[in-house]
Amino acid sequence: IVISPSATSPAVTAANDSDFLFRSTTSDAAQGVVLAQLAEDEGIDNVGILYLNDAYGQGLRDAFEGAYSGTASAASFEDGQASYLAELQAAAAEGATTLVAIGYPTQAQVFLREALENNLFTSFLFVDGTQSLDLVTALGADVLEGMKGTAPGAGPETDALAAWQEAYLEDHDAIPGLPFIKEAYDAVIAIALAAEAAGSNDGAAIRDELRNVAGPDGDLQIPGTAGIAAALEAVRNGDDIDFEGSATSLNWDENGDVVTGYINIWNYAGGEIVVLET
């Protein structure tokens, strides 16, 4: 059994996995729509898109282009390139000055600098893969100041999220700014509860209990030390439970996708990543 906390590609939905592949994060089929709306809300009617040539990059590009009403010129790149100049020039061919940057920090450090140094783009729209303080360190806070992006995130304050935050702060100084940490926690706990419900560590047995321990019909259980203890006790007593994750409800459909989730709109501000809206 696999629950990915970070695989956002829409291709995961259709994977031929015999129902062994789940995720605790929201598909980019949702993030692409929110990203397109963000671009339009910012008055951007022409963008270049530079995207990593893999399932993640392709899926997010497709979702964005499918929802975006403006002009978009897309170019793909491969991981490990020494330069992205040719691809940046292709993305800028239709006169766009804003680049949608779909990749990861190690790549983005190079192509963002090249875009600026060659006067190809003056602003950027970011995604979860390019939501990174490493970019601030590499490029400077002033270069990225105010530039926005999207990323899967936790929802409005819920009892589950509050319990997770309280438990995290018992061992750490501050709530983490990196994506997918809550989703990773949720995945681990869901597997543990499903194994307990199955009375087995067999993969198929755990799979068959996942939707039961996190389905909407049981008694609500939440994260945190006390919450997990209560959830385990309820399972051992044979009670139906609904474990609500800190990031999402963990109500899974037939494809292993969560049926509810949240996308954050964020920006770089003062050298930090600041969530503006969920």
Protein backbone atom coordinates (compact mmCIF):
# COMPACT_ATOMS: atom_id res chain seq x y z
CA ILE A 1 0.00 0.00 0.00
CA VAL A 2 1.28 3.47 -0.87
CA ILE A 3 -0.16 6.81 0.24
CA SER A 4 1.78 9.65 -1.35
CA PRO A 5 1.72 12.94 0.56
CA SER A 6 3.12 14.89 -2.39
CA ALA A 7 2.27 13.26 -5.74
CA THR A 8 -0.04 15.87 -7.19
CA SER A 9 0.02 14.78 -10.84
CA PRO A 10 -3.45 14.10 -12.33
CA ALA A 11 -1.90 10.94 -13.84
CA VAL A 12 -2.02 9.33 -10.40
CA THR A 13 -5.82 9.21 -10.64
CA ALA A 14 -5.71 6.87 -13.63
CA ALA A 15 -2.75 4.75 -12.53
CA ASN A 16 -3.20 1.00 -13.04
CA ASP A 17 -2.48 0.21 -9.40
CA SER A 18 -5.12 -2.35 -8.33
CA ASP A 19 -6.28 0.18 -5.72
CA PHE A 20 -2.97 0.11 -3.86
CA LEU A 21 -2.03 3.76 -4.62
CA PHE A 22 -3.66 6.58 -2.64
CA ARG A 23 -2.67 10.16 -1.91
CA SER A 24 -3.28 12.50 1.00
CA THR A 25 -2.78 15.67 -1.05
CA THR A 26 -4.95 17.35 -3.65
CA SER A 27 -4.58 16.65 -7.37
CA ASP A 28 -3.10 19.28 -9.66
CA ALA A 29 -6.35 19.01 -11.58
CA ALA A 30 -7.49 21.41 -8.84
CA GLN A 31 -4.26 23.41 -8.47
CA GLY A 32 -4.13 24.17 -12.21
CA VAL A 33 -7.60 25.71 -12.11
CA VAL A 34 -6.75 27.90 -9.11
CA LEU A 35 -3.46 28.93 -10.73
CA ALA A 36 -5.29 29.96 -13.90
CA GLN A 37 -7.77 31.99 -11.86
CA LEU A 38 -4.92 33.64 -9.98
CA ALA A 39 -3.30 34.68 -13.27
CA GLU A 40 -6.55 36.16 -14.52
CA ASP A 41 -7.27 37.90 -11.21
CA GLU A 42 -3.82 39.50 -11.49
CA GLY A 43 -4.75 40.83 -14.93
CA ILE A 44 -2.27 38.58 -16.73
CA ASP A 45 -3.60 37.65 -20.17
CA ASN A 46 -0.40 36.27 -21.72
CA VAL A 47 2.00 33.86 -20.03
CA GLY A 48 4.97 31.70 -20.84
CA ILE A 49 5.03 28.29 -19.22
CA LEU A 50 8.25 26.45 -18.45
CA TYR A 51 7.52 22.97 -17.15
CA LEU A 52 9.45 19.86 -16.19
CA ASN A 53 8.90 17.09 -18.72
CA ASP A 54 7.45 14.50 -16.37
CA ALA A 55 4.03 13.49 -15.09
CA TYR A 56 4.01 16.30 -12.52
CA GLY A 57 4.98 19.07 -14.92
CA GLN A 58 2.83 17.84 -17.78
CA GLY A 59 -0.23 17.34 -15.60
CA LEU A 60 -0.05 20.77 -13.99
CA ARG A 61 0.60 22.46 -17.33
CA ASP A 62 -2.42 20.70 -18.88
CA ALA A 63 -4.68 21.64 -15.97
CA PHE A 64 -3.55 25.27 -16.12
CA GLU A 65 -3.92 25.59 -19.89
CA GLY A 66 -7.33 23.94 -19.79
CA ALA A 67 -8.63 26.57 -17.37
CA TYR A 68 -6.74 29.66 -18.59
CA SER A 69 -8.50 32.02 -21.00
CA GLY A 70 -5.41 34.00 -22.00
CA THR A 71 -2.52 33.26 -24.35
CA ALA A 72 -0.03 30.64 -23.18
CA SER A 73 3.24 29.55 -24.78
CA ALA A 74 4.65 26.41 -23.19
CA ALA A 75 8.08 24.82 -23.35
CA SER A 76 9.27 21.70 -21.55
CA PHE A 77 12.69 21.00 -20.06
CA GLU A 78 14.57 17.99 -18.76
CA ASP A 79 16.02 17.66 -15.29
CA GLY A 80 19.72 18.39 -15.00
CA GLN A 81 20.10 20.83 -17.86
CA ALA A 82 23.00 23.27 -17.55
CA SER A 83 21.00 26.00 -19.29
CA TYR A 84 17.34 26.62 -20.03
CA LEU A 85 17.80 29.61 -22.31
CA ALA A 86 16.40 28.03 -25.47
CA GLU A 87 13.29 26.85 -23.62
CA LEU A 88 12.82 30.26 -22.00
CA GLN A 89 13.04 31.93 -25.40
CA ALA A 90 10.36 29.57 -26.74
CA ALA A 91 8.10 30.34 -23.77
CA ALA A 92 8.56 34.08 -24.42
CA ALA A 93 7.89 33.82 -28.16
CA GLU A 94 4.40 35.31 -27.98
CA GLY A 95 5.49 38.34 -25.97
CA ALA A 96 4.65 37.16 -22.46
CA THR A 97 6.47 38.88 -19.59
CA THR A 98 5.17 36.56 -16.85
CA LEU A 99 6.52 33.02 -16.59
CA VAL A 100 4.62 30.16 -14.95
CA ALA A 101 7.48 28.26 -13.31
CA ILE A 102 6.66 24.55 -12.99
CA GLY A 103 9.61 22.58 -11.68
CA TYR A 104 11.74 22.23 -8.57
CA PRO A 105 14.10 24.59 -6.72
CA THR A 106 17.38 23.24 -8.11
CA GLN A 107 16.14 23.81 -11.65
CA ALA A 108 14.32 27.05 -10.91
CA GLN A 109 17.42 28.67 -9.41
CA VAL A 110 19.03 28.38 -12.84
CA PHE A 111 16.16 29.23 -15.17
CA LEU A 112 14.80 32.12 -13.10
CA ARG A 113 18.24 33.74 -13.07
CA GLU A 114 18.59 33.19 -16.83
CA ALA A 115 15.13 34.65 -17.46
CA LEU A 116 16.02 37.80 -15.55
CA GLU A 117 19.56 38.22 -16.86
CA ASN A 118 18.36 37.91 -20.47
CA ASN A 119 15.34 40.22 -19.96
CA LEU A 120 12.96 37.49 -21.08
CA PHE A 121 10.56 37.69 -18.12
CA THR A 122 10.06 40.27 -15.42
CA SER A 123 7.63 38.40 -13.17
CA PHE A 124 6.77 34.83 -12.24
CA LEU A 125 3.88 32.69 -11.08
CA PHE A 126 4.95 29.82 -8.86
CA VAL A 127 3.55 26.41 -7.88
CA ASP A 128 4.17 23.94 -5.07
CA GLY A 129 7.42 22.71 -6.63
CA THR A 130 8.81 26.25 -6.79
CA GLN A 131 7.57 27.25 -3.34
CA SER A 132 10.94 27.28 -1.66
CA LEU A 133 13.08 29.50 0.53
CA ASP A 134 16.05 28.11 -1.40
CA LEU A 135 14.99 30.42 -4.22
CA VAL A 136 15.07 33.38 -1.87
CA THR A 137 18.59 32.45 -0.84
CA ALA A 138 19.72 31.95 -4.43
CA LEU A 139 18.09 34.98 -6.05
CA GLY A 140 17.53 37.45 -3.23
CA ALA A 141 14.37 38.40 -1.39
CA ASP A 142 14.01 41.66 -3.32
CA VAL A 143 13.90 39.83 -6.66
CA LEU A 144 10.95 37.66 -5.61
CA GLU A 145 9.15 40.17 -3.39
CA GLY A 146 5.40 40.07 -3.88
CA MET A 147 5.37 37.34 -6.52
CA LYS A 148 2.58 34.82 -6.04
CA GLY A 149 1.93 31.14 -6.48
CA THR A 150 -0.32 28.24 -5.58
CA ALA A 151 0.22 25.02 -3.64
CA PRO A 152 -1.88 22.35 -1.95
CA GLY A 153 -2.36 23.28 1.69
CA ALA A 154 -4.38 22.71 4.81
CA GLY A 155 -7.85 24.15 5.00
CA PRO A 156 -9.42 26.69 7.30
CA GLU A 157 -8.85 26.19 11.01
CA THR A 158 -10.46 22.91 12.08
CA ASP A 159 -10.21 20.89 15.26
CA ALA A 160 -8.00 18.42 13.37
CA LEU A 161 -5.62 21.09 12.12
CA ALA A 162 -5.48 22.81 15.53
CA ALA A 163 -4.67 19.50 17.23
CA TRP A 164 -1.89 18.80 14.73
CA GLN A 165 -0.38 22.25 15.22
CA GLU A 166 -0.48 21.92 19.01
CA ALA A 167 1.23 18.53 18.84
CA TYR A 168 3.87 19.82 16.42
CA LEU A 169 4.70 22.81 18.59
CA GLU A 170 5.30 20.51 21.56
CA ASP A 171 8.46 19.33 19.80
CA HIS A 172 9.36 22.17 17.41
CA ASP A 173 9.77 25.92 17.61
CA ALA A 174 7.43 26.93 14.77
CA ILE A 175 4.90 25.53 12.31
CA PRO A 176 6.80 24.45 9.18
CA GLY A 177 6.54 26.49 5.99
CA LEU A 178 7.41 23.61 3.69
CA PRO A 179 4.57 21.86 1.83
CA PHE A 180 3.29 18.32 2.41
CA ILE A 181 4.43 17.81 6.02
CA LYS A 182 0.86 17.58 7.31
CA GLU A 183 -0.05 15.29 4.42
CA ALA A 184 2.83 12.96 5.32
CA TYR A 185 1.65 12.79 8.93
CA ASP A 186 -1.91 12.08 7.81
CA ALA A 187 -0.75 9.24 5.55
CA VAL A 188 1.27 7.54 8.30
CA ILE A 189 -1.58 7.70 10.82
CA ALA A 190 -4.17 6.48 8.29
CA ILE A 191 -2.03 3.43 7.47
CA ALA A 192 -1.52 2.71 11.18
CA LEU A 193 -5.24 2.91 11.92
CA ALA A 194 -6.09 0.75 8.91
CA ALA A 195 -3.54 -1.87 9.98
CA GLU A 196 -5.04 -1.88 13.46
CA ALA A 197 -8.55 -2.24 12.05
CA ALA A 198 -7.38 -5.09 9.81
CA GLY A 199 -5.41 -6.76 12.60
CA SER A 200 -2.72 -7.28 10.00
CA ASN A 201 0.27 -5.73 8.25
CA ASP A 202 -0.77 -7.31 4.95
CA GLY A 203 -0.96 -4.69 2.21
CA ALA A 204 -4.31 -5.77 0.79
CA ALA A 205 -5.84 -5.94 4.27
CA ILE A 206 -4.66 -2.40 5.04
CA ARG A 207 -5.93 -1.17 1.68
CA ASP A 208 -9.36 -2.60 2.34
CA GLU A 209 -9.64 -0.76 5.68
CA LEU A 210 -8.32 2.66 4.63
CA ARG A 211 -11.66 4.03 3.44
CA ASN A 212 -13.34 2.61 6.55
CA VAL A 213 -11.10 4.30 9.11
CA ALA A 214 -11.20 7.62 7.26
CA GLY A 215 -14.72 7.49 5.84
CA PRO A 216 -17.41 10.01 6.69
CA ASP A 217 -19.74 7.61 8.49
CA GLY A 218 -17.79 6.89 11.69
CA ASP A 219 -17.10 8.79 14.88
CA LEU A 220 -14.78 11.74 14.26
CA GLN A 221 -11.16 11.24 15.36
CA ILE A 222 -8.40 13.83 15.00
CA PRO A 223 -4.58 14.12 15.12
CA GLY A 224 -2.42 14.69 18.15
CA THR A 225 -1.20 12.34 20.86
CA ALA A 226 -4.54 12.16 22.66
CA GLY A 227 -6.45 12.01 19.37
CA ILE A 228 -4.48 9.06 18.00
CA ALA A 229 -4.74 7.20 21.32
CA ALA A 230 -8.51 7.66 21.24
CA ALA A 231 -8.69 6.56 17.60
CA LEU A 232 -6.70 3.39 18.30
CA GLU A 233 -8.87 2.55 21.32
CA ALA A 234 -12.03 3.03 19.26
CA VAL A 235 -10.72 0.74 16.51
CA ARG A 236 -9.78 -1.93 19.05
CA ASN A 237 -13.28 -1.70 20.49
CA GLY A 238 -14.72 -2.38 17.05
CA ASP A 239 -16.17 1.13 16.65
CA ASP A 240 -16.50 2.81 13.25
CA ILE A 241 -14.23 5.85 13.07
CA ASP A 242 -13.68 8.78 10.74
CA PHE A 243 -10.08 9.95 11.06
CA GLU A 244 -9.90 13.50 9.75
CA GLY A 245 -6.44 14.47 8.60
CA SER A 246 -4.74 17.73 9.45
CA ALA A 247 -4.53 18.70 5.76
CA THR A 248 -7.62 17.09 4.23
CA SER A 249 -10.61 15.01 5.24
CA LEU A 250 -8.94 11.81 3.91
CA ASN A 251 -12.25 10.77 2.41
CA TRP A 252 -10.98 8.76 -0.58
CA ASP A 253 -12.84 8.06 -3.81
CA GLU A 254 -12.53 4.91 -5.91
CA ASN A 255 -9.26 6.19 -7.42
CA GLY A 256 -7.58 6.86 -4.09
CA ASP A 257 -8.00 10.64 -4.47
CA VAL A 258 -9.23 12.79 -1.61
CA VAL A 259 -12.67 14.17 -2.47
CA THR A 260 -12.08 17.45 -0.64
CA GLY A 261 -8.92 19.48 -0.38
CA TYR A 262 -7.48 22.97 -0.32
CA ILE A 263 -5.22 25.07 -2.51
CA ASN A 264 -3.30 27.98 -1.02
CA ILE A 265 -2.51 31.23 -2.79
CA TRP A 266 0.77 32.52 -1.35
CA ASN A 267 3.52 35.00 -2.07
CA TYR A 268 7.13 35.75 -1.31
CA ALA A 269 7.16 38.60 1.22
CA GLY A 270 10.11 39.85 3.22
CA GLY A 271 12.11 36.77 2.36
CA GLU A 272 9.39 34.45 3.66
CA ILE A 273 6.53 32.42 2.18
CA VAL A 274 3.21 33.92 3.26
CA VAL A 275 -0.19 32.33 2.66
CA LEU A 276 -2.65 34.94 1.41
CA GLU A 277 -5.79 32.91 0.81
CA THR A 278 -7.06 29.34 0.92
